[in-house]
Structure formats: structure tokens, C-alpha cells
Amino acid sequence: MRYYLFTLCLIITYSCTDKNHPTPDKKISNNHAGEKAELNQPIQEIGSFYQPEEMTIKEKQTGKSGNKEDYQITLKNSDLLDSDLENLNEHAKKIASLYYKSLTSTIHPLNLKKVVVTIKHRNLKIDNFEYLEENIK
């Protein structure tokens, strides 16, 4: 009996201490209102204004912890962005600004290289916009 308890304790101890798992992307679907409660205000503003079917937020590691990192936000199938293609650059800059505001309020210190805004349209066209930190402020 002691052998089984000891083995069980070892398994629990080592399985709970492994922190090397990559952080999964946060996917926010427009269909799940409960998920929005845990998001901070700037991300909620992006979701309520652009109303995408899906919004994905992820951090792309570019090297060791001392190096700068890219942060990406993807909006998929937004009626506003699909209908206003002439002002897509301005919309992307506003999204990047709000996302940057969210990052600065949640991550300390922020080690930002650039913010990447990806917009996936209903016609399967994909637009990518990249903003350096000094261009967002």
C-alpha cells in the first residue's frame, strides 16, 4: 500500500511541475458570451465594434526570453471590415492600437517587437498589417 501511495505522489508531483507547455492561442467566438467576460476592456471594444465571427489572439515567440516578441490578433469575417475596404488600413491601425493598450495593461514588462493584425475576409482574402511599437503609440 505504501508503495502505491508513494508512486502516486511521485506521479502527481512530476506531472504538475512541467511548465514548458506552449500557451495556446486564445480564440474568441462571437457565439460565446461567457468568454468575453474574462477579456479586458480594449479587447472587448475590438469585438463589439468590429463584431467578427472569430477573433484569435496569439503571441509568437521569436527567440529566448530576452528577445522581443511579436503579438498577433486575427479577425475573421467581420461585416464592417468586409464592407469598408477603402479604410482597411485605418481600421487595422485602430485594432493595433487597442490591442497594444490591452497588452500594456496585462503584460509587465512588455517586450514588444511588433503587432501583427490579420484580417480574414469572407471572400477568402487575407490582409496583414504590421506595426512597430513606435508607430502605435
Foldseek 3Di string as FASTA:
>chain_A
DVVVVVVVVVVVVVVVPPPPDDDDKDKDALVDPVVCVPADDLVVVLCVPQVARMKIWDKADPDPPVAATEIEIEGEAGPVCQVPVVCNVVNQLSNQLSVVVRCVVPDPPHRHAWYWYWYQHPVRDIDIDIGGPVRND
